[in-house]
Amino acid sequence: QRRWVLRRTSPTTMSGTITDNPGPVSGRLDGDQLVLNYTMKGGLKAEQVLTIQPGGRTLVNRMTVRKFGMPVAHVDELITKVE
């Protein structure tokens, strides 16, 4: 289980932590998207683009992980809020 703690640092930026991640997380808000960047264990660089869908109950998570600037992993997932 992963816990995110994000705080707004300006109207368009965020910073925070992830429980299983060694370093800080930075983010920027752009319309219906939140773009998060952080370094993972082993020096892997992650970028996540979370896009809220119409209705506000679902978002698309697209994550790219890079090593030495080259993509080594990609995740596409749909996250839905349930009652």
PDB file of N, CA and C in Angstrom:
ATOM      1  N   GLN A   1       0.833  -1.171   0.000  1.00  0.00           N
ATOM      2  CA  GLN A   1       0.000   0.000   0.000  1.00  0.00           C
ATOM      3  C   GLN A   1       0.880   1.237   0.000  1.00  0.00           C
ATOM      4  N   ARG A   2       0.542   2.165  -0.810  1.00  0.00           N
ATOM      5  CA  ARG A   2       1.334   3.370  -1.024  1.00  0.00           C
ATOM      6  C   ARG A   2       0.549   4.584  -0.527  1.00  0.00           C
ATOM      7  N   ARG A   3       1.236   5.473   0.176  1.00  0.00           N
ATOM      8  CA  ARG A   3       0.575   6.685   0.670  1.00  0.00           C
ATOM      9  C   ARG A   3       1.273   7.912   0.088  1.00  0.00           C
ATOM     10  N   TRP A   4       0.487   8.770  -0.519  1.00  0.00           N
ATOM     11  CA  TRP A   4       0.968  10.021  -1.079  1.00  0.00           C
ATOM     12  C   TRP A   4       0.589  11.155  -0.136  1.00  0.00           C
ATOM     13  N   VAL A   5       1.506  12.084   0.086  1.00  0.00           N
ATOM     14  CA  VAL A   5       1.214  13.315   0.817  1.00  0.00           C
ATOM     15  C   VAL A   5       1.672  14.459  -0.082  1.00  0.00           C
ATOM     16  N   LEU A   6       0.712  15.214  -0.603  1.00  0.00           N
ATOM     17  CA  LEU A   6       1.008  16.329  -1.502  1.00  0.00           C
ATOM     18  C   LEU A   6       0.431  17.613  -0.917  1.00  0.00           C
ATOM     19  N   ARG A   7       1.209  18.674  -0.999  1.00  0.00           N
ATOM     20  CA  ARG A   7       0.776  19.983  -0.527  1.00  0.00           C
ATOM     21  C   ARG A   7       0.926  20.996  -1.654  1.00  0.00           C
ATOM     22  N   ARG A   8      -0.039  21.869  -1.759  1.00  0.00           N
ATOM     23  CA  ARG A   8       0.024  22.923  -2.762  1.00  0.00           C
ATOM     24  C   ARG A   8       1.038  23.973  -2.289  1.00  0.00           C
ATOM     25  N   THR A   9       2.000  24.309  -3.145  1.00  0.00           N
ATOM     26  CA  THR A   9       3.019  25.312  -2.805  1.00  0.00           C
ATOM     27  C   THR A   9       2.776  26.639  -3.514  1.00  0.00           C
ATOM     28  N   SER A  10       1.917  26.624  -4.517  1.00  0.00           N
ATOM     29  CA  SER A  10       1.459  27.827  -5.223  1.00  0.00           C
ATOM     30  C   SER A  10       0.173  27.420  -5.934  1.00  0.00           C
ATOM     31  N   PRO A  11      -0.483  28.338  -6.614  1.00  0.00           N
ATOM     32  CA  PRO A  11      -1.708  27.945  -7.327  1.00  0.00           C
ATOM     33  C   PRO A  11      -1.495  26.850  -8.374  1.00  0.00           C
ATOM     34  N   THR A  12      -0.269  26.689  -8.877  1.00  0.00           N
ATOM     35  CA  THR A  12      -0.037  25.695  -9.939  1.00  0.00           C
ATOM     36  C   THR A  12       1.045  24.670  -9.612  1.00  0.00           C
ATOM     37  N   THR A  13       1.605  24.678  -8.401  1.00  0.00           N
ATOM     38  CA  THR A  13       2.652  23.710  -8.067  1.00  0.00           C
ATOM     39  C   THR A  13       2.343  22.985  -6.766  1.00  0.00           C
ATOM     40  N   MET A  14       2.916  21.778  -6.649  1.00  0.00           N
ATOM     41  CA  MET A  14       2.752  20.951  -5.456  1.00  0.00           C
ATOM     42  C   MET A  14       4.084  20.316  -5.120  1.00  0.00           C
ATOM     43  N   SER A  15       4.232  19.907  -3.868  1.00  0.00           N
ATOM     44  CA  SER A  15       5.386  19.116  -3.464  1.00  0.00           C
ATOM     45  C   SER A  15       4.922  18.136  -2.402  1.00  0.00           C
ATOM     46  N   GLY A  16       5.704  17.075  -2.210  1.00  0.00           N
ATOM     47  CA  GLY A  16       5.300  16.092  -1.223  1.00  0.00           C
ATOM     48  C   GLY A  16       6.188  14.874  -1.209  1.00  0.00           C
ATOM     49  N   THR A  17       5.615  13.778  -0.699  1.00  0.00           N
ATOM     50  CA  THR A  17       6.349  12.527  -0.541  1.00  0.00           C
ATOM     51  C   THR A  17       5.454  11.346  -0.893  1.00  0.00           C
ATOM     52  N   ILE A  18       6.108  10.199  -1.120  1.00  0.00           N
ATOM     53  CA  ILE A  18       5.436   8.917  -1.303  1.00  0.00           C
ATOM     54  C   ILE A  18       6.087   7.960  -0.316  1.00  0.00           C
ATOM     55  N   THR A  19       5.298   7.136   0.364  1.00  0.00           N
ATOM     56  CA  THR A  19       5.840   6.284   1.418  1.00  0.00           C
ATOM     57  C   THR A  19       6.947   5.354   0.954  1.00  0.00           C
ATOM     58  N   ASP A  20       6.889   4.830  -0.262  1.00  0.00           N
ATOM     59  CA  ASP A  20       7.901   3.870  -0.709  1.00  0.00           C
ATOM     60  C   ASP A  20       8.947   4.498  -1.626  1.00  0.00           C
ATOM     61  N   ASN A  21       9.099   5.814  -1.546  1.00  0.00           N
ATOM     62  CA  ASN A  21      10.013   6.517  -2.429  1.00  0.00           C
ATOM     63  C   ASN A  21      11.060   7.269  -1.612  1.00  0.00           C
ATOM     64  N   PRO A  22      12.328   7.211  -2.012  1.00  0.00           N
ATOM     65  CA  PRO A  22      13.379   7.826  -1.194  1.00  0.00           C
ATOM     66  C   PRO A  22      13.443   9.346  -1.233  1.00  0.00           C
ATOM     67  N   GLY A  23      12.874   9.973  -2.246  1.00  0.00           N
ATOM     68  CA  GLY A  23      13.048  11.421  -2.387  1.00  0.00           C
ATOM     69  C   GLY A  23      11.748  12.173  -2.481  1.00  0.00           C
ATOM     70  N   PRO A  24      11.844  13.468  -2.652  1.00  0.00           N
ATOM     71  CA  PRO A  24      10.649  14.298  -2.747  1.00  0.00           C
ATOM     72  C   PRO A  24       9.948  14.163  -4.095  1.00  0.00           C
ATOM     73  N   VAL A  25       8.699  14.595  -4.104  1.00  0.00           N
ATOM     74  CA  VAL A  25       7.871  14.609  -5.301  1.00  0.00           C
ATOM     75  C   VAL A  25       7.554  16.070  -5.614  1.00  0.00           C
ATOM     76  N   SER A  26       7.669  16.451  -6.878  1.00  0.00           N
ATOM     77  CA  SER A  26       7.240  17.788  -7.283  1.00  0.00           C
ATOM     78  C   SER A  26       6.146  17.637  -8.321  1.00  0.00           C
ATOM     79  N   GLY A  27       5.241  18.603  -8.352  1.00  0.00           N
ATOM     80  CA  GLY A  27       4.142  18.514  -9.297  1.00  0.00           C
ATOM     81  C   GLY A  27       3.708  19.876  -9.776  1.00  0.00           C
ATOM     82  N   ARG A  28       3.028  19.856 -10.923  1.00  0.00           N
ATOM     83  CA  ARG A  28       2.454  21.091 -11.445  1.00  0.00           C
ATOM     84  C   ARG A  28       1.055  20.784 -11.970  1.00  0.00           C
ATOM     85  N   LEU A  29       0.164  21.708 -11.703  1.00  0.00           N
ATOM     86  CA  LEU A  29      -1.213  21.605 -12.161  1.00  0.00           C
ATOM     87  C   LEU A  29      -1.352  22.363 -13.467  1.00  0.00           C
ATOM     88  N   ASP A  30      -1.997  21.722 -14.444  1.00  0.00           N
ATOM     89  CA  ASP A  30      -2.211  22.346 -15.744  1.00  0.00           C
ATOM     90  C   ASP A  30      -3.595  21.941 -16.230  1.00  0.00           C
ATOM     91  N   GLY A  31      -4.583  22.780 -15.968  1.00  0.00           N
ATOM     92  CA  GLY A  31      -5.953  22.456 -16.360  1.00  0.00           C
ATOM     93  C   GLY A  31      -6.456  21.236 -15.616  1.00  0.00           C
ATOM     94  N   ASP A  32      -6.838  20.198 -16.348  1.00  0.00           N
ATOM     95  CA  ASP A  32      -7.358  18.976 -15.726  1.00  0.00           C
ATOM     96  C   ASP A  32      -6.259  17.944 -15.462  1.00  0.00           C
ATOM     97  N   GLN A  33      -4.988  18.359 -15.539  1.00  0.00           N
ATOM     98  CA  GLN A  33      -3.863  17.434 -15.336  1.00  0.00           C
ATOM     99  C   GLN A  33      -2.993  17.834 -14.158  1.00  0.00           C
ATOM    100  N   LEU A  34      -2.484  16.802 -13.486  1.00  0.00           N
ATOM    101  CA  LEU A  34      -1.441  16.963 -12.484  1.00  0.00           C
ATOM    102  C   LEU A  34      -0.244  16.166 -12.987  1.00  0.00           C
ATOM    103  N   VAL A  35       0.885  16.836 -13.180  1.00  0.00           N
ATOM    104  CA  VAL A  35       2.104  16.181 -13.655  1.00  0.00           C
ATOM    105  C   VAL A  35       3.055  16.078 -12.473  1.00  0.00           C
ATOM    106  N   LEU A  36       3.422  14.842 -12.100  1.00  0.00           N
ATOM    107  CA  LEU A  36       4.310  14.587 -10.969  1.00  0.00           C
ATOM    108  C   LEU A  36       5.652  14.069 -11.467  1.00  0.00           C
ATOM    109  N   ASN A  37       6.732  14.529 -10.845  1.00  0.00           N
ATOM    110  CA  ASN A  37       8.087  14.083 -11.168  1.00  0.00           C
ATOM    111  C   ASN A  37       8.799  13.718  -9.883  1.00  0.00           C
ATOM    112  N   TYR A  38       9.518  12.592  -9.909  1.00  0.00           N
ATOM    113  CA  TYR A  38      10.286  12.174  -8.742  1.00  0.00           C
ATOM    114  C   TYR A  38      11.317  11.132  -9.145  1.00  0.00           C
ATOM    115  N   THR A  39      12.308  10.981  -8.282  1.00  0.00           N
ATOM    116  CA  THR A  39      13.340   9.973  -8.484  1.00  0.00           C
ATOM    117  C   THR A  39      13.006   8.765  -7.632  1.00  0.00           C
ATOM    118  N   MET A  40      13.041   7.584  -8.247  1.00  0.00           N
ATOM    119  CA  MET A  40      12.748   6.331  -7.557  1.00  0.00           C
ATOM    120  C   MET A  40      14.044   5.677  -7.108  1.00  0.00           C
ATOM    121  N   LYS A  41      13.909   4.579  -6.389  1.00  0.00           N
ATOM    122  CA  LYS A  41      15.077   3.794  -5.989  1.00  0.00           C
ATOM    123  C   LYS A  41      15.870   3.397  -7.228  1.00  0.00           C
ATOM    124  N   GLY A  42      17.182   3.343  -7.100  1.00  0.00           N
ATOM    125  CA  GLY A  42      18.032   2.952  -8.214  1.00  0.00           C
ATOM    126  C   GLY A  42      18.275   4.074  -9.211  1.00  0.00           C
ATOM    127  N   GLY A  43      17.876   5.293  -8.864  1.00  0.00           N
ATOM    128  CA  GLY A  43      18.108   6.418  -9.757  1.00  0.00           C
ATOM    129  C   GLY A  43      17.144   6.530 -10.918  1.00  0.00           C
ATOM    130  N   LEU A  44      16.066   5.760 -10.892  1.00  0.00           N
ATOM    131  CA  LEU A  44      15.063   5.842 -11.948  1.00  0.00           C
ATOM    132  C   LEU A  44      14.272   7.130 -11.803  1.00  0.00           C
ATOM    133  N   LYS A  45      14.003   7.800 -12.903  1.00  0.00           N
ATOM    134  CA  LYS A  45      13.243   9.053 -12.911  1.00  0.00           C
ATOM    135  C   LYS A  45      11.824   8.760 -13.382  1.00  0.00           C
ATOM    136  N   ALA A  46      10.848   9.173 -12.587  1.00  0.00           N
ATOM    137  CA  ALA A  46       9.447   8.919 -12.919  1.00  0.00           C
ATOM    138  C   ALA A  46       8.738  10.215 -13.261  1.00  0.00           C
ATOM    139  N   GLU A  47       7.876  10.132 -14.266  1.00  0.00           N
ATOM    140  CA  GLU A  47       6.941  11.213 -14.564  1.00  0.00           C
ATOM    141  C   GLU A  47       5.560  10.592 -14.666  1.00  0.00           C
ATOM    142  N   GLN A  48       4.622  11.130 -13.890  1.00  0.00           N
ATOM    143  CA  GLN A  48       3.241  10.666 -13.934  1.00  0.00           C
ATOM    144  C   GLN A  48       2.367  11.819 -14.370  1.00  0.00           C
ATOM    145  N   VAL A  49       1.482  11.532 -15.315  1.00  0.00           N
ATOM    146  CA  VAL A  49       0.505  12.515 -15.760  1.00  0.00           C
ATOM    147  C   VAL A  49      -0.864  11.958 -15.389  1.00  0.00           C
ATOM    148  N   LEU A  50      -1.518  12.627 -14.430  1.00  0.00           N
ATOM    149  CA  LEU A  50      -2.832  12.218 -13.950  1.00  0.00           C
ATOM    150  C   LEU A  50      -3.857  13.178 -14.535  1.00  0.00           C
ATOM    151  N   THR A  51      -4.802  12.650 -15.314  1.00  0.00           N
ATOM    152  CA  THR A  51      -5.793  13.484 -16.002  1.00  0.00           C
ATOM    153  C   THR A  51      -7.183  13.117 -15.514  1.00  0.00           C
ATOM    154  N   ILE A  52      -7.844  14.077 -14.853  1.00  0.00           N
ATOM    155  CA  ILE A  52      -9.207  13.841 -14.367  1.00  0.00           C
ATOM    156  C   ILE A  52     -10.149  13.804 -15.556  1.00  0.00           C
ATOM    157  N   GLN A  53     -11.083  12.874 -15.512  1.00  0.00           N
ATOM    158  CA  GLN A  53     -12.040  12.696 -16.597  1.00  0.00           C
ATOM    159  C   GLN A  53     -13.342  13.435 -16.275  1.00  0.00           C
ATOM    160  N   PRO A  54     -14.151  13.731 -17.280  1.00  0.00           N
ATOM    161  CA  PRO A  54     -15.433  14.403 -17.028  1.00  0.00           C
ATOM    162  C   PRO A  54     -16.246  13.646 -15.978  1.00  0.00           C
ATOM    163  N   GLY A  55     -16.846  14.378 -15.063  1.00  0.00           N
ATOM    164  CA  GLY A  55     -17.614  13.770 -13.973  1.00  0.00           C
ATOM    165  C   GLY A  55     -16.821  13.719 -12.680  1.00  0.00           C
ATOM    166  N   GLY A  56     -15.498  13.780 -12.768  1.00  0.00           N
ATOM    167  CA  GLY A  56     -14.650  13.858 -11.592  1.00  0.00           C
ATOM    168  C   GLY A  56     -14.465  12.600 -10.780  1.00  0.00           C
ATOM    169  N   ARG A  57     -14.945  11.453 -11.232  1.00  0.00           N
ATOM    170  CA  ARG A  57     -14.817  10.211 -10.462  1.00  0.00           C
ATOM    171  C   ARG A  57     -13.745   9.276 -11.003  1.00  0.00           C
ATOM    172  N   THR A  58     -13.174   9.617 -12.153  1.00  0.00           N
ATOM    173  CA  THR A  58     -12.192   8.757 -12.801  1.00  0.00           C
ATOM    174  C   THR A  58     -11.033   9.601 -13.275  1.00  0.00           C
ATOM    175  N   LEU A  59      -9.839   9.017 -13.192  1.00  0.00           N
ATOM    176  CA  LEU A  59      -8.686   9.688 -13.784  1.00  0.00           C
ATOM    177  C   LEU A  59      -7.808   8.675 -14.496  1.00  0.00           C
ATOM    178  N   VAL A  60      -7.109   9.169 -15.492  1.00  0.00           N
ATOM    179  CA  VAL A  60      -6.161   8.360 -16.257  1.00  0.00           C
ATOM    180  C   VAL A  60      -4.773   8.662 -15.710  1.00  0.00           C
ATOM    181  N   ASN A  61      -4.019   7.618 -15.395  1.00  0.00           N
ATOM    182  CA  ASN A  61      -2.650   7.739 -14.903  1.00  0.00           C
ATOM    183  C   ASN A  61      -1.725   7.193 -15.984  1.00  0.00           C
ATOM    184  N   ARG A  62      -0.859   8.044 -16.494  1.00  0.00           N
ATOM    185  CA  ARG A  62       0.151   7.617 -17.475  1.00  0.00           C
ATOM    186  C   ARG A  62       1.509   7.904 -16.870  1.00  0.00           C
ATOM    187  N   MET A  63       2.286   6.868 -16.695  1.00  0.00           N
ATOM    188  CA  MET A  63       3.585   6.994 -16.033  1.00  0.00           C
ATOM    189  C   MET A  63       4.688   6.485 -16.953  1.00  0.00           C
ATOM    190  N   THR A  64       5.766   7.253 -17.027  1.00  0.00           N
ATOM    191  CA  THR A  64       6.950   6.836 -17.764  1.00  0.00           C
ATOM    192  C   THR A  64       8.127   6.855 -16.803  1.00  0.00           C
ATOM    193  N   VAL A  65       8.896   5.772 -16.808  1.00  0.00           N
ATOM    194  CA  VAL A  65      10.087   5.663 -15.968  1.00  0.00           C
ATOM    195  C   VAL A  65      11.299   5.648 -16.888  1.00  0.00           C
ATOM    196  N   ARG A  66      12.305   6.449 -16.530  1.00  0.00           N
ATOM    197  CA  ARG A  66      13.511   6.563 -17.353  1.00  0.00           C
ATOM    198  C   ARG A  66      14.763   6.244 -16.542  1.00  0.00           C
ATOM    199  N   LYS A  67      15.737   5.704 -17.225  1.00  0.00           N
ATOM    200  CA  LYS A  67      17.073   5.468 -16.669  1.00  0.00           C
ATOM    201  C   LYS A  67      18.055   6.051 -17.672  1.00  0.00           C
ATOM    202  N   PHE A  68      18.944   6.921 -17.206  1.00  0.00           N
ATOM    203  CA  PHE A  68      19.901   7.613 -18.085  1.00  0.00           C
ATOM    204  C   PHE A  68      19.181   8.319 -19.234  1.00  0.00           C
ATOM    205  N   GLY A  69      17.958   8.819 -18.947  1.00  0.00           N
ATOM    206  CA  GLY A  69      17.194   9.562 -19.938  1.00  0.00           C
ATOM    207  C   GLY A  69      16.409   8.727 -20.925  1.00  0.00           C
ATOM    208  N   MET A  70      16.578   7.401 -20.866  1.00  0.00           N
ATOM    209  CA  MET A  70      15.886   6.523 -21.812  1.00  0.00           C
ATOM    210  C   MET A  70      14.700   5.843 -21.128  1.00  0.00           C
ATOM    211  N   PRO A  71      13.538   5.776 -21.795  1.00  0.00           N
ATOM    212  CA  PRO A  71      12.384   5.104 -21.190  1.00  0.00           C
ATOM    213  C   PRO A  71      12.656   3.622 -20.976  1.00  0.00           C
ATOM    214  N   VAL A  72      12.353   3.136 -19.774  1.00  0.00           N
ATOM    215  CA  VAL A  72      12.527   1.714 -19.459  1.00  0.00           C
ATOM    216  C   VAL A  72      11.227   1.057 -19.015  1.00  0.00           C
ATOM    217  N   ALA A  73      10.207   1.861 -18.705  1.00  0.00           N
ATOM    218  CA  ALA A  73       8.909   1.309 -18.305  1.00  0.00           C
ATOM    219  C   ALA A  73       7.824   2.341 -18.569  1.00  0.00           C
ATOM    220  N   HIS A  74       6.614   1.825 -18.796  1.00  0.00           N
ATOM    221  CA  HIS A  74       5.472   2.693 -19.048  1.00  0.00           C
ATOM    222  C   HIS A  74       4.234   2.033 -18.439  1.00  0.00           C
ATOM    223  N   VAL A  75       3.411   2.819 -17.771  1.00  0.00           N
ATOM    224  CA  VAL A  75       2.169   2.320 -17.179  1.00  0.00           C
ATOM    225  C   VAL A  75       1.030   3.216 -17.639  1.00  0.00           C
ATOM    226  N   ASP A  76      -0.060   2.602 -18.063  1.00  0.00           N
ATOM    227  CA  ASP A  76      -1.318   3.297 -18.340  1.00  0.00           C
ATOM    228  C   ASP A  76      -2.373   2.626 -17.480  1.00  0.00           C
ATOM    229  N   GLU A  77      -3.062   3.427 -16.653  1.00  0.00           N
ATOM    230  CA  GLU A  77      -4.121   2.840 -15.843  1.00  0.00           C
ATOM    231  C   GLU A  77      -5.265   3.813 -15.659  1.00  0.00           C
ATOM    232  N   LEU A  78      -6.411   3.275 -15.348  1.00  0.00           N
ATOM    233  CA  LEU A  78      -7.602   4.040 -15.079  1.00  0.00           C
ATOM    234  C   LEU A  78      -7.925   3.860 -13.598  1.00  0.00           C
ATOM    235  N   ILE A  79      -8.078   4.967 -12.867  1.00  0.00           N
ATOM    236  CA  ILE A  79      -8.389   4.916 -11.443  1.00  0.00           C
ATOM    237  C   ILE A  79      -9.791   5.482 -11.275  1.00  0.00           C
ATOM    238  N   THR A  80     -10.677   4.697 -10.621  1.00  0.00           N
ATOM    239  CA  THR A  80     -12.054   5.103 -10.449  1.00  0.00           C
ATOM    240  C   THR A  80     -12.426   5.125  -8.973  1.00  0.00           C
ATOM    241  N   LYS A  81     -13.061   6.218  -8.540  1.00  0.00           N
ATOM    242  CA  LYS A  81     -13.535   6.334  -7.165  1.00  0.00           C
ATOM    243  C   LYS A  81     -14.808   5.515  -7.029  1.00  0.00           C
ATOM    244  N   VAL A  82     -14.853   4.673  -6.009  1.00  0.00           N
ATOM    245  CA  VAL A  82     -16.049   3.880  -5.730  1.00  0.00           C
ATOM    246  C   VAL A  82     -16.672   4.360  -4.432  1.00  0.00           C
ATOM    247  N   GLU A  83     -17.946   4.163  -4.297  1.00  0.00           N
ATOM    248  CA  GLU A  83     -18.665   4.590  -3.078  1.00  0.00           C
ATOM    249  C   GLU A  83     -18.303   3.708  -1.916  1.00  0.00           C
TER     250      GLU A  83
END
